[in-house]
N, C-alpha and C. Protein backbone atom coordinates (compact mmCIF):
# COMPACT_ATOMS: atom_id res chain seq x y z
N MET A 1 52.78 245.95 28.09
CA MET A 1 51.41 245.60 27.74
C MET A 1 50.62 245.41 29.02
N VAL A 2 49.37 245.91 28.98
CA VAL A 2 48.50 245.85 30.15
C VAL A 2 47.20 245.15 29.75
N TYR A 3 46.81 244.13 30.51
CA TYR A 3 45.52 243.49 30.28
C TYR A 3 44.48 244.23 31.11
N LEU A 4 43.38 244.62 30.46
CA LEU A 4 42.30 245.32 31.15
C LEU A 4 41.00 244.56 31.02
N LYS A 5 40.26 244.58 32.09
CA LYS A 5 38.91 244.03 32.12
C LYS A 5 38.04 245.13 32.71
N ASP A 6 37.02 245.55 31.96
CA ASP A 6 36.12 246.60 32.41
C ASP A 6 34.70 246.05 32.28
N GLU A 7 34.14 245.62 33.39
CA GLU A 7 32.83 244.98 33.37
C GLU A 7 31.82 245.80 34.16
N GLY A 8 30.56 245.65 33.78
CA GLY A 8 29.48 246.20 34.58
C GLY A 8 28.79 247.44 34.05
N SER A 9 29.27 248.02 32.97
CA SER A 9 28.59 249.20 32.42
C SER A 9 27.32 248.74 31.72
N GLU A 10 26.33 249.63 31.69
CA GLU A 10 25.07 249.32 31.01
C GLU A 10 24.54 250.54 30.27
N PHE A 11 23.97 250.26 29.11
CA PHE A 11 23.22 251.27 28.38
C PHE A 11 21.76 251.14 28.77
N GLU A 12 21.07 252.26 28.84
CA GLU A 12 19.65 252.26 29.19
C GLU A 12 18.80 252.15 27.94
N ALA A 13 18.97 251.02 27.25
CA ALA A 13 18.21 250.71 26.03
C ALA A 13 18.42 249.22 25.74
N PRO A 14 17.44 248.59 25.08
CA PRO A 14 17.61 247.17 24.73
C PRO A 14 18.68 246.99 23.66
N ILE A 15 19.16 245.78 23.56
CA ILE A 15 20.31 245.50 22.70
C ILE A 15 20.05 245.82 21.23
N ASP A 16 18.85 245.59 20.72
CA ASP A 16 18.59 245.89 19.31
C ASP A 16 18.70 247.39 19.05
N PHE A 17 18.27 248.20 20.00
CA PHE A 17 18.40 249.66 19.85
C PHE A 17 19.87 250.09 19.92
N VAL A 18 20.63 249.49 20.82
CA VAL A 18 22.06 249.82 20.95
C VAL A 18 22.78 249.54 19.64
N TRP A 19 22.47 248.40 19.00
CA TRP A 19 23.12 248.09 17.73
C TRP A 19 22.72 249.05 16.62
N LYS A 20 21.47 249.49 16.61
CA LYS A 20 21.07 250.51 15.63
C LYS A 20 21.88 251.78 15.83
N TYR A 21 22.11 252.13 17.08
CA TYR A 21 22.92 253.32 17.39
C TYR A 21 24.37 253.13 16.93
N ILE A 22 24.94 251.98 17.21
CA ILE A 22 26.33 251.72 16.81
C ILE A 22 26.49 251.87 15.30
N PHE A 23 25.52 251.36 14.55
CA PHE A 23 25.57 251.45 13.09
C PHE A 23 25.02 252.77 12.57
N GLY A 24 24.69 253.70 13.48
CA GLY A 24 24.02 254.94 13.10
C GLY A 24 24.86 255.99 12.45
N GLY A 25 26.14 255.73 12.23
CA GLY A 25 26.97 256.69 11.52
C GLY A 25 27.17 257.99 12.26
N GLU A 26 26.64 259.07 11.69
CA GLU A 26 26.89 260.41 12.23
C GLU A 26 26.43 260.57 13.67
N ALA A 27 25.29 260.02 14.03
CA ALA A 27 24.80 260.16 15.41
C ALA A 27 25.78 259.54 16.38
N HIS A 28 26.26 258.36 16.05
CA HIS A 28 27.23 257.68 16.92
C HIS A 28 28.57 258.40 16.91
N ASP A 29 29.08 258.66 15.74
CA ASP A 29 30.39 259.31 15.64
C ASP A 29 30.36 260.71 16.25
N GLY A 30 29.28 261.44 16.04
CA GLY A 30 29.17 262.79 16.56
C GLY A 30 29.09 262.87 18.07
N ALA A 31 28.73 261.78 18.72
CA ALA A 31 28.62 261.76 20.18
C ALA A 31 30.00 261.86 20.85
N HIS A 32 31.02 261.46 20.15
CA HIS A 32 32.35 261.37 20.76
C HIS A 32 33.11 262.70 20.68
N LYS A 33 33.33 263.28 21.84
CA LYS A 33 34.02 264.58 21.95
C LYS A 33 35.54 264.44 21.80
N THR A 34 36.03 263.21 21.87
CA THR A 34 37.48 263.00 21.83
C THR A 34 37.98 262.57 20.45
N THR A 35 37.09 262.67 19.43
CA THR A 35 37.54 262.40 18.06
C THR A 35 37.08 263.53 17.15
N ARG A 36 37.85 263.74 16.11
CA ARG A 36 37.48 264.72 15.08
C ARG A 36 38.08 264.28 13.75
N LYS A 37 37.56 264.82 12.68
CA LYS A 37 37.99 264.50 11.31
C LYS A 37 37.94 263.00 11.02
N PRO A 38 36.76 262.37 11.24
CA PRO A 38 36.66 260.92 11.02
C PRO A 38 36.73 260.55 9.54
N LYS A 39 37.33 259.39 9.29
CA LYS A 39 37.38 258.81 7.95
C LYS A 39 37.09 257.32 8.09
N PHE A 40 36.18 256.82 7.24
CA PHE A 40 35.80 255.42 7.28
C PHE A 40 36.21 254.74 5.98
N LYS A 41 36.72 253.53 6.10
CA LYS A 41 37.02 252.71 4.92
C LYS A 41 36.43 251.33 5.16
N GLN A 42 35.51 250.90 4.29
CA GLN A 42 34.90 249.58 4.41
C GLN A 42 35.92 248.54 3.98
N VAL A 43 36.22 247.58 4.85
CA VAL A 43 37.18 246.52 4.56
C VAL A 43 36.45 245.24 4.15
N SER A 44 35.34 244.96 4.83
CA SER A 44 34.50 243.80 4.51
C SER A 44 33.09 244.11 4.99
N ASP A 45 32.20 243.14 4.89
CA ASP A 45 30.82 243.36 5.34
C ASP A 45 30.75 243.71 6.81
N ILE A 46 31.70 243.25 7.61
CA ILE A 46 31.64 243.47 9.05
C ILE A 46 32.81 244.28 9.60
N THR A 47 33.74 244.66 8.76
CA THR A 47 34.95 245.34 9.22
C THR A 47 35.16 246.68 8.52
N ILE A 48 35.51 247.69 9.33
CA ILE A 48 35.88 248.99 8.79
C ILE A 48 37.24 249.39 9.35
N GLU A 49 37.88 250.32 8.68
CA GLU A 49 39.02 251.03 9.26
C GLU A 49 38.52 252.43 9.57
N TYR A 50 38.77 252.85 10.79
CA TYR A 50 38.30 254.15 11.26
C TYR A 50 39.51 255.00 11.63
N GLY A 51 39.72 256.05 10.86
CA GLY A 51 40.79 256.99 11.13
C GLY A 51 40.23 258.27 11.67
N SER A 52 40.95 258.92 12.56
CA SER A 52 40.51 260.19 13.11
C SER A 52 41.69 260.86 13.79
N GLU A 53 41.42 262.05 14.29
CA GLU A 53 42.31 262.65 15.26
C GLU A 53 41.65 262.39 16.60
N ARG A 54 42.43 261.95 17.58
CA ARG A 54 41.88 261.56 18.88
C ARG A 54 42.57 262.34 19.99
N LEU A 55 41.78 262.80 20.93
CA LEU A 55 42.30 263.46 22.12
C LEU A 55 42.54 262.39 23.17
N LEU A 56 43.81 262.20 23.50
CA LEU A 56 44.18 261.20 24.49
C LEU A 56 45.39 261.72 25.26
N ARG A 57 45.27 261.67 26.56
CA ARG A 57 46.34 262.16 27.44
C ARG A 57 46.59 263.65 27.20
N GLY A 58 45.52 264.38 26.86
CA GLY A 58 45.59 265.82 26.72
C GLY A 58 46.12 266.33 25.39
N LYS A 59 46.36 265.43 24.43
CA LYS A 59 46.90 265.84 23.13
C LYS A 59 46.09 265.23 22.00
N TRP A 60 45.89 266.03 20.93
CA TRP A 60 45.25 265.53 19.72
C TRP A 60 46.32 264.88 18.85
N ALA A 61 46.04 263.69 18.34
CA ALA A 61 46.98 263.00 17.46
C ALA A 61 46.21 262.08 16.53
N PRO A 62 46.73 261.83 15.32
CA PRO A 62 46.06 260.93 14.40
C PRO A 62 46.09 259.49 14.92
N ASP A 63 45.03 258.75 14.60
CA ASP A 63 45.04 257.33 14.91
C ASP A 63 44.22 256.57 13.87
N LEU A 64 44.36 255.26 13.89
CA LEU A 64 43.66 254.40 12.95
C LEU A 64 43.33 253.10 13.66
N MET A 65 42.08 252.67 13.53
CA MET A 65 41.61 251.43 14.14
C MET A 65 40.96 250.54 13.09
N ARG A 66 41.12 249.25 13.26
CA ARG A 66 40.36 248.28 12.48
C ARG A 66 39.27 247.75 13.42
N ILE A 67 38.02 247.91 13.01
CA ILE A 67 36.90 247.57 13.87
C ILE A 67 36.02 246.54 13.17
N THR A 68 35.80 245.42 13.86
CA THR A 68 34.95 244.35 13.33
C THR A 68 33.73 244.21 14.21
N MET A 69 32.54 244.31 13.59
CA MET A 69 31.28 244.28 14.32
C MET A 69 30.54 242.98 14.05
N VAL A 70 30.19 242.29 15.13
CA VAL A 70 29.48 241.03 15.04
C VAL A 70 28.21 241.14 15.89
N PRO A 71 27.18 241.82 15.33
CA PRO A 71 25.96 242.02 16.11
C PRO A 71 25.23 240.70 16.36
N PRO A 72 24.58 240.57 17.47
CA PRO A 72 24.49 241.52 18.57
C PRO A 72 25.49 241.22 19.69
N VAL A 73 26.58 240.54 19.37
CA VAL A 73 27.47 240.02 20.40
C VAL A 73 28.66 240.91 20.73
N SER A 74 29.38 241.38 19.70
CA SER A 74 30.65 242.03 20.04
C SER A 74 31.15 242.99 18.97
N VAL A 75 32.08 243.82 19.40
CA VAL A 75 32.87 244.68 18.52
C VAL A 75 34.32 244.43 18.91
N THR A 76 35.12 244.04 17.93
CA THR A 76 36.55 243.80 18.18
C THR A 76 37.34 244.92 17.51
N THR A 77 38.29 245.46 18.25
CA THR A 77 39.06 246.59 17.75
C THR A 77 40.55 246.31 17.86
N GLU A 78 41.25 246.62 16.78
CA GLU A 78 42.71 246.59 16.78
C GLU A 78 43.19 247.99 16.46
N TRP A 79 43.98 248.56 17.34
CA TRP A 79 44.50 249.92 17.16
C TRP A 79 45.73 249.82 16.27
N LEU A 80 45.64 250.33 15.04
CA LEU A 80 46.72 250.19 14.07
C LEU A 80 47.76 251.30 14.14
N GLU A 81 47.30 252.54 14.40
CA GLU A 81 48.21 253.70 14.48
C GLU A 81 47.73 254.60 15.60
N GLY A 82 48.65 255.30 16.22
CA GLY A 82 48.29 256.24 17.27
C GLY A 82 48.94 255.89 18.59
N VAL A 83 48.54 256.61 19.61
CA VAL A 83 49.15 256.48 20.94
C VAL A 83 49.07 255.05 21.45
N LEU A 84 47.96 254.36 21.21
CA LEU A 84 47.79 253.00 21.72
C LEU A 84 47.89 251.95 20.61
N ALA A 85 48.68 252.25 19.57
CA ALA A 85 48.88 251.30 18.47
C ALA A 85 49.37 249.96 19.02
N GLY A 86 48.82 248.89 18.46
CA GLY A 86 49.16 247.55 18.91
C GLY A 86 48.17 246.99 19.92
N SER A 87 47.32 247.84 20.45
CA SER A 87 46.31 247.41 21.42
C SER A 87 45.20 246.65 20.71
N LYS A 88 44.64 245.66 21.42
CA LYS A 88 43.53 244.86 20.88
C LYS A 88 42.54 244.65 22.00
N PHE A 89 41.25 244.88 21.68
CA PHE A 89 40.24 244.72 22.72
C PHE A 89 38.90 244.40 22.10
N VAL A 90 38.01 243.86 22.93
CA VAL A 90 36.69 243.46 22.47
C VAL A 90 35.64 244.01 23.44
N TYR A 91 34.58 244.58 22.85
CA TYR A 91 33.39 244.96 23.61
C TYR A 91 32.41 243.79 23.48
N VAL A 92 31.87 243.33 24.60
CA VAL A 92 30.89 242.24 24.59
C VAL A 92 29.57 242.80 25.11
N TYR A 93 28.51 242.62 24.33
CA TYR A 93 27.19 243.15 24.66
C TYR A 93 26.29 242.00 25.12
N LYS A 94 25.54 242.26 26.21
CA LYS A 94 24.62 241.24 26.74
C LYS A 94 23.25 241.87 26.96
N PRO A 95 22.20 241.26 26.38
CA PRO A 95 20.85 241.80 26.59
C PRO A 95 20.40 241.61 28.03
N LYS A 96 19.76 242.64 28.57
CA LYS A 96 19.20 242.58 29.92
C LYS A 96 17.83 243.24 29.89
N GLY A 97 16.98 242.77 28.97
CA GLY A 97 15.64 243.35 28.83
C GLY A 97 15.71 244.75 28.25
N ALA A 98 15.31 245.75 29.04
CA ALA A 98 15.31 247.14 28.58
C ALA A 98 16.69 247.78 28.70
N ARG A 99 17.67 247.03 29.11
CA ARG A 99 19.05 247.53 29.25
C ARG A 99 20.00 246.61 28.48
N THR A 100 21.21 247.11 28.23
CA THR A 100 22.24 246.31 27.58
C THR A 100 23.54 246.45 28.36
N ALA A 101 24.05 245.32 28.82
CA ALA A 101 25.34 245.32 29.52
C ALA A 101 26.45 245.36 28.49
N ILE A 102 27.53 246.04 28.86
CA ILE A 102 28.70 246.10 27.99
C ILE A 102 29.95 245.89 28.84
N ASP A 103 30.72 244.89 28.46
CA ASP A 103 31.97 244.58 29.13
C ASP A 103 33.08 244.69 28.09
N VAL A 104 34.27 245.07 28.55
CA VAL A 104 35.40 245.23 27.64
C VAL A 104 36.58 244.43 28.18
N TYR A 105 37.25 243.71 27.27
CA TYR A 105 38.43 242.92 27.62
C TYR A 105 39.50 243.21 26.58
N GLY A 106 40.73 243.42 27.03
CA GLY A 106 41.76 243.66 26.04
C GLY A 106 43.15 243.82 26.59
N GLU A 107 44.07 243.85 25.65
CA GLU A 107 45.47 244.12 25.95
C GLU A 107 45.83 245.45 25.31
N PHE A 108 46.37 246.34 26.11
CA PHE A 108 46.71 247.68 25.65
C PHE A 108 48.22 247.87 25.74
N THR A 109 48.74 248.55 24.73
CA THR A 109 50.17 248.81 24.66
C THR A 109 50.40 250.16 24.00
N SER A 110 51.62 250.66 24.09
CA SER A 110 51.96 251.92 23.45
C SER A 110 53.46 251.97 23.20
N LYS A 111 53.82 252.53 22.05
CA LYS A 111 55.24 252.75 21.74
C LYS A 111 55.68 254.14 22.19
N THR A 112 54.71 255.00 22.56
CA THR A 112 55.05 256.39 22.89
C THR A 112 54.84 256.74 24.36
N LEU A 113 54.04 255.94 25.07
CA LEU A 113 53.80 256.22 26.48
C LEU A 113 54.69 255.35 27.36
N ALA A 114 55.03 255.86 28.51
CA ALA A 114 55.74 255.06 29.50
C ALA A 114 54.83 253.91 29.93
N PRO A 115 55.40 252.75 30.24
CA PRO A 115 54.58 251.59 30.61
C PRO A 115 53.55 251.88 31.69
N GLU A 116 53.91 252.69 32.67
CA GLU A 116 52.98 252.99 33.76
C GLU A 116 51.82 253.89 33.31
N GLU A 117 51.94 254.52 32.14
CA GLU A 117 50.87 255.38 31.63
C GLU A 117 49.88 254.65 30.73
N VAL A 118 50.23 253.46 30.28
CA VAL A 118 49.39 252.74 29.33
C VAL A 118 48.02 252.42 29.93
N GLU A 119 47.99 251.91 31.14
CA GLU A 119 46.70 251.57 31.76
C GLU A 119 45.84 252.82 31.94
N ALA A 120 46.43 253.91 32.40
CA ALA A 120 45.68 255.15 32.59
C ALA A 120 45.11 255.64 31.26
N ALA A 121 45.90 255.58 30.19
CA ALA A 121 45.43 256.03 28.88
C ALA A 121 44.31 255.14 28.37
N ALA A 122 44.44 253.84 28.54
CA ALA A 122 43.41 252.91 28.09
C ALA A 122 42.11 253.14 28.86
N ARG A 123 42.20 253.31 30.16
CA ARG A 123 40.99 253.56 30.97
C ARG A 123 40.36 254.91 30.59
N GLU A 124 41.20 255.91 30.34
CA GLU A 124 40.70 257.21 29.90
C GLU A 124 39.90 257.06 28.61
N PHE A 125 40.45 256.30 27.67
CA PHE A 125 39.78 256.05 26.40
C PHE A 125 38.43 255.36 26.61
N LEU A 126 38.44 254.25 27.35
CA LEU A 126 37.20 253.49 27.57
C LEU A 126 36.15 254.31 28.30
N GLU A 127 36.56 255.05 29.31
CA GLU A 127 35.62 255.88 30.06
C GLU A 127 35.02 256.97 29.19
N SER A 128 35.84 257.60 28.35
CA SER A 128 35.31 258.67 27.50
C SER A 128 34.34 258.11 26.46
N GLU A 129 34.63 256.92 25.93
CA GLU A 129 33.73 256.32 24.95
C GLU A 129 32.36 256.06 25.58
N PHE A 130 32.33 255.44 26.76
CA PHE A 130 31.06 255.15 27.41
C PHE A 130 30.37 256.43 27.86
N ARG A 131 31.11 257.35 28.44
CA ARG A 131 30.55 258.62 28.93
C ARG A 131 29.88 259.39 27.79
N ASP A 132 30.46 259.33 26.59
CA ASP A 132 29.87 260.02 25.44
C ASP A 132 28.65 259.28 24.89
N ASP A 133 28.72 257.96 24.83
CA ASP A 133 27.63 257.18 24.22
C ASP A 133 26.41 257.04 25.12
N ALA A 134 26.60 256.80 26.40
CA ALA A 134 25.48 256.45 27.29
C ALA A 134 24.35 257.46 27.28
N PRO A 135 24.60 258.76 27.43
CA PRO A 135 23.46 259.69 27.44
C PRO A 135 22.78 259.82 26.08
N VAL A 136 23.53 259.66 25.00
CA VAL A 136 22.93 259.75 23.67
C VAL A 136 22.03 258.53 23.43
N VAL A 137 22.53 257.35 23.79
CA VAL A 137 21.71 256.14 23.65
C VAL A 137 20.42 256.30 24.44
N LYS A 138 20.53 256.73 25.68
CA LYS A 138 19.34 256.89 26.54
C LYS A 138 18.36 257.90 25.94
N ALA A 139 18.86 259.05 25.52
CA ALA A 139 17.99 260.10 24.97
C ALA A 139 17.32 259.63 23.68
N GLN A 140 18.07 259.00 22.79
CA GLN A 140 17.48 258.55 21.54
C GLN A 140 16.46 257.43 21.77
N TYR A 141 16.74 256.56 22.73
CA TYR A 141 15.79 255.50 23.04
C TYR A 141 14.50 256.07 23.63
N GLU A 142 14.64 257.01 24.56
CA GLU A 142 13.46 257.64 25.14
C GLU A 142 12.63 258.36 24.07
N LYS A 143 13.31 259.04 23.15
CA LYS A 143 12.63 259.73 22.06
C LYS A 143 11.90 258.73 21.16
N SER A 144 12.55 257.59 20.89
CA SER A 144 11.91 256.59 20.01
C SER A 144 10.68 255.99 20.69
N LYS A 145 10.72 255.83 22.00
CA LYS A 145 9.55 255.30 22.72
C LYS A 145 8.40 256.30 22.68
N SER A 146 8.71 257.59 22.85
CA SER A 146 7.64 258.59 22.86
C SER A 146 7.05 258.80 21.47
N SER A 147 7.85 258.61 20.43
CA SER A 147 7.32 258.79 19.08
C SER A 147 6.44 257.62 18.65
N ARG A 148 6.60 256.48 19.32
CA ARG A 148 5.75 255.31 19.02
C ARG A 148 4.41 255.39 19.74
N SER A 149 4.33 256.24 20.75
CA SER A 149 3.10 256.35 21.55
C SER A 149 2.03 257.15 20.85
């Protein structure tokens, strides 16, 4: 098991806009190039199970996550099935005016990867998630500002 702390990333949009994007369904899900064939199951008002095929460490494989959203503060994720099954992590969102800071804290594990590969796989996952979301958030926010003018 590897404890990871990833601090300092920011979205170029205010926190209320970021949360609208997170709850945006297809726009949010479609931004991610490392997932395909998504399936959503509502567990409670704030929790879903998200199944997909995920590209991780160069291979597509099925996975399943339980995701709990507590706007505007955090998203907590437990990886139930897949390469990083057993991993648990939280995204923490902080308003910074026209920007939103996002920090991630968690413990990552794997039954299929060598221990020395777990950190690399977890960082690959986190980096791809932010890399996919950040430009879409920025573009949609800029578009929303211009449409209000």
